Every structure is written in structure tokens, then in C-alpha cells.
Amino acid sequence: MQMSRTPFAPFRSTALASILAALVFSLAAASAAFAADVETVGHVTRTQGLSYAVQGSVLKELSPNALINRKDVLRTGPGARLEITLLDETRLTLGADTEFSVERYDLGRQDGGVLLKLTKGAFRVATGQLEALRGGPFEVSTPLATIGIRGTDFWGGYLAADEISVLLISGKGVYIVNDGGRAEIVRPMEGLTVRSATAPPPAPSMWSPDKRQRAFDTVAFGK
């Protein structure tokens, strides 16, 4: 007896093609979303010792000219130094045993801004062309306070455990704000130390040459 051809074969082929098309579309959309989220914000200009960029499960050792992306977590090893130049020519230097990330970088966007994040260690920031940020805030978040920048060169980090220190080197000044209040530093070589996320930041004072040198040494490259 001759077997009749199943009427379901064309349906199965059409359904399979639709499923494959949907899968391809989903993968393309996911790839596009990932590519959009990976936004280059600068590059490495100098290294000393071992430094890494971590994003998700991907760990990348950093060397000069390596690209830095938004949301990269930057980690430096013992004795290491890392210098990065952002797209607006801001220069960022990290000291040893530091963890730092670029959380937001809205270059050229209306009402944009920059948010950097210090988890541990020490850093120095010399801002570049802030006008390219179109007036948005330029801030560094730390465990105890947020540091706001107005076109300046300053140092921040841990000189002792459980306290964040900030030193203005030059420029228009910085502000320090937390749940307890706000303080401003406008005179070069003045600084302050925050010891609580809820107590008001203290008034700034002129740092001694020895204390300033301790801060500078944390981000200085060896000769």
C-alpha cells in the first residue's frame, strides 16, 4: 500500500525556520546590546607592575595603549602603578593595591557627567577638558564620601585604615559630601580626612610637607 505524504511536513519546516530566525535575531540583539554597553572611555598611558581590568568574568592584564571601557574594574597589584588618560584628557593615576572603576562617562552628552568609584587604595586625578562634559558633575564615589571636582588636580585615598583623605594640589577646588554634610577645599595643599559616612566632613587644613609627600608617594612611579 502506498503511504500518503504527511500533511505536517511543510508546517514543521516553516516552524523550524521561524524558530531559527527568532534565535538568530535574539543573538544579534544580545550582541548589539553587549556592544553598546562596552563603551571605551580611555586608554592606558603608563604602567608599573601588574594591573588588570575586570568586567564580569573577563580579566585582562593591562599594558600601555590598552583600552579602558566603562564599568571596567581596575585593580593594581602590590607595588604597582597605573596611569590612564580618559577621552577628555583627564589623567588618572592609581597606586598599589587599588580598586577603581569608571561607573559613568557621558562625554559630549547634554546633562552628562562622570562618576568614578574608589573601593580601596589611592588615586590622583588631573582633570582635562571639562567643557566636553557639557557641565555635568565630575565626581568620585568612595565608601565614606563623594568627592566633587571643578577642574583641578587632587589626590584621594587611604593613608590609614577606615578613613578617606583628600588633598587639593592645584586648580579650582573640590567638595566632599556625605550623609553628615559638606566641606570644600579651595586652597592648594590643603586637605581633610573623613572617618565616618554619617559625620560631617571636617574643615580643611594645610597639610605638612611630610603628609603631602606620603600622599604623593602612593601614586608616584619609580625612576
Protein backbone atom coordinates (compact mmCIF):
# COMPACT_ATOMS: atom_id res chain seq x y z
CA MET A 1 0.00 0.00 0.00
CA GLN A 2 1.35 3.44 -0.94
CA MET A 3 1.95 5.65 2.06
CA SER A 4 0.45 9.12 1.82
CA ARG A 5 2.76 12.05 2.46
CA THR A 6 2.22 13.62 5.84
CA PRO A 7 0.46 16.96 5.73
CA PHE A 8 2.54 18.18 8.68
CA ALA A 9 5.94 18.28 6.94
CA PRO A 10 5.57 21.77 5.45
CA PHE A 11 4.31 23.07 8.78
CA ARG A 12 7.31 21.59 10.58
CA SER A 13 9.74 23.15 8.09
CA THR A 14 8.07 26.53 8.42
CA ALA A 15 8.01 26.32 12.21
CA LEU A 16 11.68 25.31 12.35
CA ALA A 17 12.64 28.17 10.05
CA SER A 18 10.71 30.60 12.25
CA ILE A 19 12.40 29.30 15.40
CA LEU A 20 15.85 29.58 13.81
CA ALA A 21 15.12 33.09 12.58
CA ALA A 22 13.95 34.14 16.03
CA LEU A 23 17.06 32.63 17.60
CA VAL A 24 19.35 34.44 15.17
CA PHE A 25 17.50 37.71 15.85
CA SER A 26 17.80 37.23 19.62
CA LEU A 27 21.52 36.51 19.40
CA ALA A 28 22.05 39.56 17.17
CA ALA A 29 20.09 41.76 19.58
CA ALA A 30 22.07 40.43 22.54
CA SER A 31 25.35 41.06 20.72
CA ALA A 32 24.28 44.59 19.83
CA ALA A 33 23.25 45.30 23.43
CA PHE A 34 26.60 44.00 24.70
CA ALA A 35 28.48 46.09 22.16
CA ALA A 36 26.51 49.18 23.16
CA ASP A 37 27.28 48.57 26.81
CA VAL A 38 31.02 48.18 26.16
CA GLU A 39 31.94 51.85 25.79
CA THR A 40 35.60 52.84 25.52
CA VAL A 41 36.40 55.76 27.85
CA GLY A 42 40.18 55.97 27.63
CA HIS A 43 43.47 54.10 27.36
CA VAL A 44 46.46 53.11 29.45
CA THR A 45 49.38 55.52 29.12
CA ARG A 46 51.79 54.12 31.70
CA THR A 47 52.20 51.05 33.90
CA GLN A 48 54.46 49.76 36.63
CA GLY A 49 53.98 46.24 37.97
CA LEU A 50 50.80 44.25 37.36
CA SER A 51 47.40 45.82 36.75
CA TYR A 52 44.17 44.29 35.49
CA ALA A 53 40.79 45.31 34.12
CA VAL A 54 37.91 43.07 35.17
CA GLN A 55 34.44 43.08 33.62
CA GLY A 56 32.14 40.21 34.50
CA SER A 57 34.16 37.01 34.21
CA VAL A 58 36.73 38.56 31.84
CA LEU A 59 40.11 39.52 33.31
CA LYS A 60 42.56 41.47 31.14
CA GLU A 61 46.14 42.34 32.04
CA LEU A 62 46.83 45.99 31.26
CA SER A 63 49.76 47.37 29.30
CA PRO A 64 50.37 50.75 27.59
CA ASN A 65 47.75 51.59 24.92
CA ALA A 66 45.24 49.04 26.27
CA LEU A 67 41.68 50.36 26.00
CA ILE A 68 39.64 51.07 29.14
CA ASN A 69 35.88 50.57 28.98
CA ARG A 70 33.07 51.93 31.09
CA LYS A 71 32.31 49.58 34.00
CA ASP A 72 35.81 48.07 33.92
CA VAL A 73 37.01 47.40 37.47
CA LEU A 74 40.67 48.40 37.56
CA ARG A 75 42.90 46.56 40.01
CA THR A 76 46.56 47.14 40.75
CA GLY A 77 48.90 44.70 42.47
CA PRO A 78 51.47 45.24 45.25
CA GLY A 79 53.91 47.99 44.31
CA ALA A 80 52.06 48.67 41.06
CA ARG A 81 51.12 51.97 39.44
CA LEU A 82 48.66 52.58 36.62
CA GLU A 83 48.12 55.77 34.60
CA ILE A 84 45.07 56.18 32.36
CA THR A 85 44.12 59.04 30.07
CA LEU A 86 40.39 59.48 29.51
CA LEU A 87 38.86 60.81 26.29
CA ASP A 88 38.63 64.38 27.65
CA GLU A 89 42.37 64.26 28.53
CA THR A 90 41.71 63.72 32.23
CA ARG A 91 44.70 61.85 33.67
CA LEU A 92 44.01 59.25 36.33
CA THR A 93 46.83 57.63 38.33
CA LEU A 94 46.23 54.64 40.63
CA GLY A 95 48.53 53.49 43.41
CA ALA A 96 49.30 49.97 44.60
CA ASP A 97 46.56 47.61 45.83
CA THR A 98 43.87 49.90 44.46
CA GLU A 99 40.43 49.04 43.10
CA PHE A 100 38.80 51.69 40.94
CA SER A 101 36.13 51.85 38.23
CA VAL A 102 34.54 54.23 35.72
CA GLU A 103 30.84 53.99 36.53
CA ARG A 104 29.65 56.80 34.25
CA TYR A 105 31.28 58.76 31.45
CA ASP A 106 28.91 60.92 29.41
CA LEU A 107 31.35 62.77 27.20
CA GLY A 108 29.58 65.28 24.95
CA ARG A 109 26.09 64.44 26.19
CA GLN A 110 23.73 67.11 27.45
CA ASP A 111 23.45 67.00 31.25
CA GLY A 112 26.10 64.30 31.23
CA GLY A 113 28.87 63.78 33.73
CA VAL A 114 31.49 61.47 35.12
CA LEU A 115 31.27 59.15 38.10
CA LEU A 116 34.38 57.29 39.19
CA LYS A 117 34.42 54.86 42.10
CA LEU A 118 37.19 54.10 44.59
CA THR A 119 36.78 50.90 46.57
CA LYS A 120 40.24 50.79 48.12
CA GLY A 121 43.71 52.23 47.65
CA ALA A 122 44.79 55.67 46.42
CA PHE A 123 44.49 57.77 43.28
CA ARG A 124 45.31 61.12 41.72
CA VAL A 125 43.11 62.93 39.18
CA ALA A 126 44.15 65.83 36.95
CA THR A 127 41.06 66.87 35.04
CA GLY A 128 41.17 67.66 31.34
CA GLN A 129 38.64 69.39 29.09
CA LEU A 130 35.68 69.56 31.45
CA GLU A 131 33.75 71.65 28.92
CA ALA A 132 33.48 68.47 26.82
CA LEU A 133 31.25 67.08 29.58
CA ARG A 134 28.75 69.92 29.00
CA GLY A 135 28.51 70.99 32.60
CA GLY A 136 27.67 67.64 34.15
CA PRO A 137 29.11 66.71 37.56
CA PHE A 138 32.53 65.09 37.80
CA GLU A 139 32.59 63.01 40.98
CA VAL A 140 34.49 60.22 42.69
CA SER A 141 32.49 57.94 44.96
CA THR A 142 34.26 56.42 47.98
CA PRO A 143 32.99 54.28 50.89
CA LEU A 144 32.80 57.33 53.19
CA ALA A 145 32.05 60.33 50.95
CA THR A 146 31.70 61.62 47.41
CA ILE A 147 34.34 63.97 46.03
CA GLY A 148 33.20 66.57 43.50
CA ILE A 149 35.67 68.13 41.10
CA ARG A 150 35.70 71.59 39.48
CA GLY A 151 38.68 71.44 37.15
CA THR A 152 41.61 70.55 39.33
CA ASP A 153 44.48 68.27 40.26
CA PHE A 154 43.92 66.41 43.51
CA TRP A 155 44.80 63.27 45.43
CA GLY A 156 42.47 60.98 47.34
CA GLY A 157 42.64 57.67 49.14
CA TYR A 158 43.62 55.82 52.27
CA LEU A 159 46.62 56.95 54.31
CA ALA A 160 45.28 54.87 57.20
CA ALA A 161 42.68 52.15 57.51
CA ASP A 162 39.00 53.14 57.61
CA GLU A 163 39.48 56.79 56.67
CA ILE A 164 39.50 58.68 53.37
CA SER A 165 41.82 61.64 52.89
CA VAL A 166 41.66 64.29 50.16
CA LEU A 167 44.39 66.76 49.18
CA LEU A 168 43.95 69.63 46.71
CA ILE A 169 47.11 70.03 44.63
CA SER A 170 46.04 72.82 42.28
CA GLY A 171 43.00 74.17 40.46
CA LYS A 172 39.55 75.48 41.30
CA GLY A 173 38.87 73.14 44.20
CA VAL A 174 36.92 70.09 45.29
CA TYR A 175 33.95 69.45 47.53
CA ILE A 176 33.42 66.49 49.84
CA VAL A 177 29.88 65.45 50.72
CA ASN A 178 28.35 62.59 52.70
CA ASP A 179 25.27 61.92 54.84
CA GLY A 180 26.63 64.24 57.54
CA GLY A 181 27.27 67.34 55.46
CA ARG A 182 29.63 69.04 53.05
CA ALA A 183 33.07 70.64 53.06
CA GLU A 184 35.07 72.42 50.36
CA ILE A 185 38.78 72.69 49.69
CA VAL A 186 39.81 75.69 47.58
CA ARG A 187 43.40 76.36 48.67
CA PRO A 188 46.22 74.25 47.17
CA MET A 189 47.97 71.90 49.57
CA GLU A 190 45.05 71.89 51.97
CA GLY A 191 43.31 68.63 52.74
CA LEU A 192 40.98 66.84 55.10
CA THR A 193 40.24 63.34 56.37
CA VAL A 194 36.80 61.71 56.56
CA ARG A 195 36.38 58.99 59.17
CA SER A 196 32.63 58.37 59.03
CA ALA A 197 29.96 58.25 56.33
CA THR A 198 27.47 59.97 58.66
CA ALA A 199 29.59 62.59 60.48
CA PRO A 200 30.15 65.96 58.75
CA PRO A 201 33.48 66.23 56.90
CA PRO A 202 35.92 68.39 58.90
CA ALA A 203 37.16 71.79 57.76
CA PRO A 204 40.27 71.56 55.57
CA SER A 205 43.71 72.49 56.83
CA MET A 206 47.16 72.91 55.36
CA TRP A 207 48.98 69.58 55.23
CA SER A 208 52.56 69.32 56.41
CA PRO A 209 55.26 68.58 53.80
CA ASP A 210 55.68 65.09 55.28
CA LYS A 211 51.99 64.27 55.00
CA ARG A 212 51.82 65.61 51.46
CA GLN A 213 54.80 63.50 50.50
CA ARG A 214 53.15 60.39 51.94
CA ALA A 215 50.19 61.01 49.66
CA PHE A 216 52.35 61.68 46.60
CA ASP A 217 54.41 58.56 47.21
CA THR A 218 51.32 56.33 46.95
CA VAL A 219 50.88 57.21 43.25
CA ALA A 220 54.47 58.03 42.22
CA PHE A 221 56.14 55.90 39.55
CA GLY A 222 59.59 54.55 40.31
CA LYS A 223 62.52 56.00 38.38
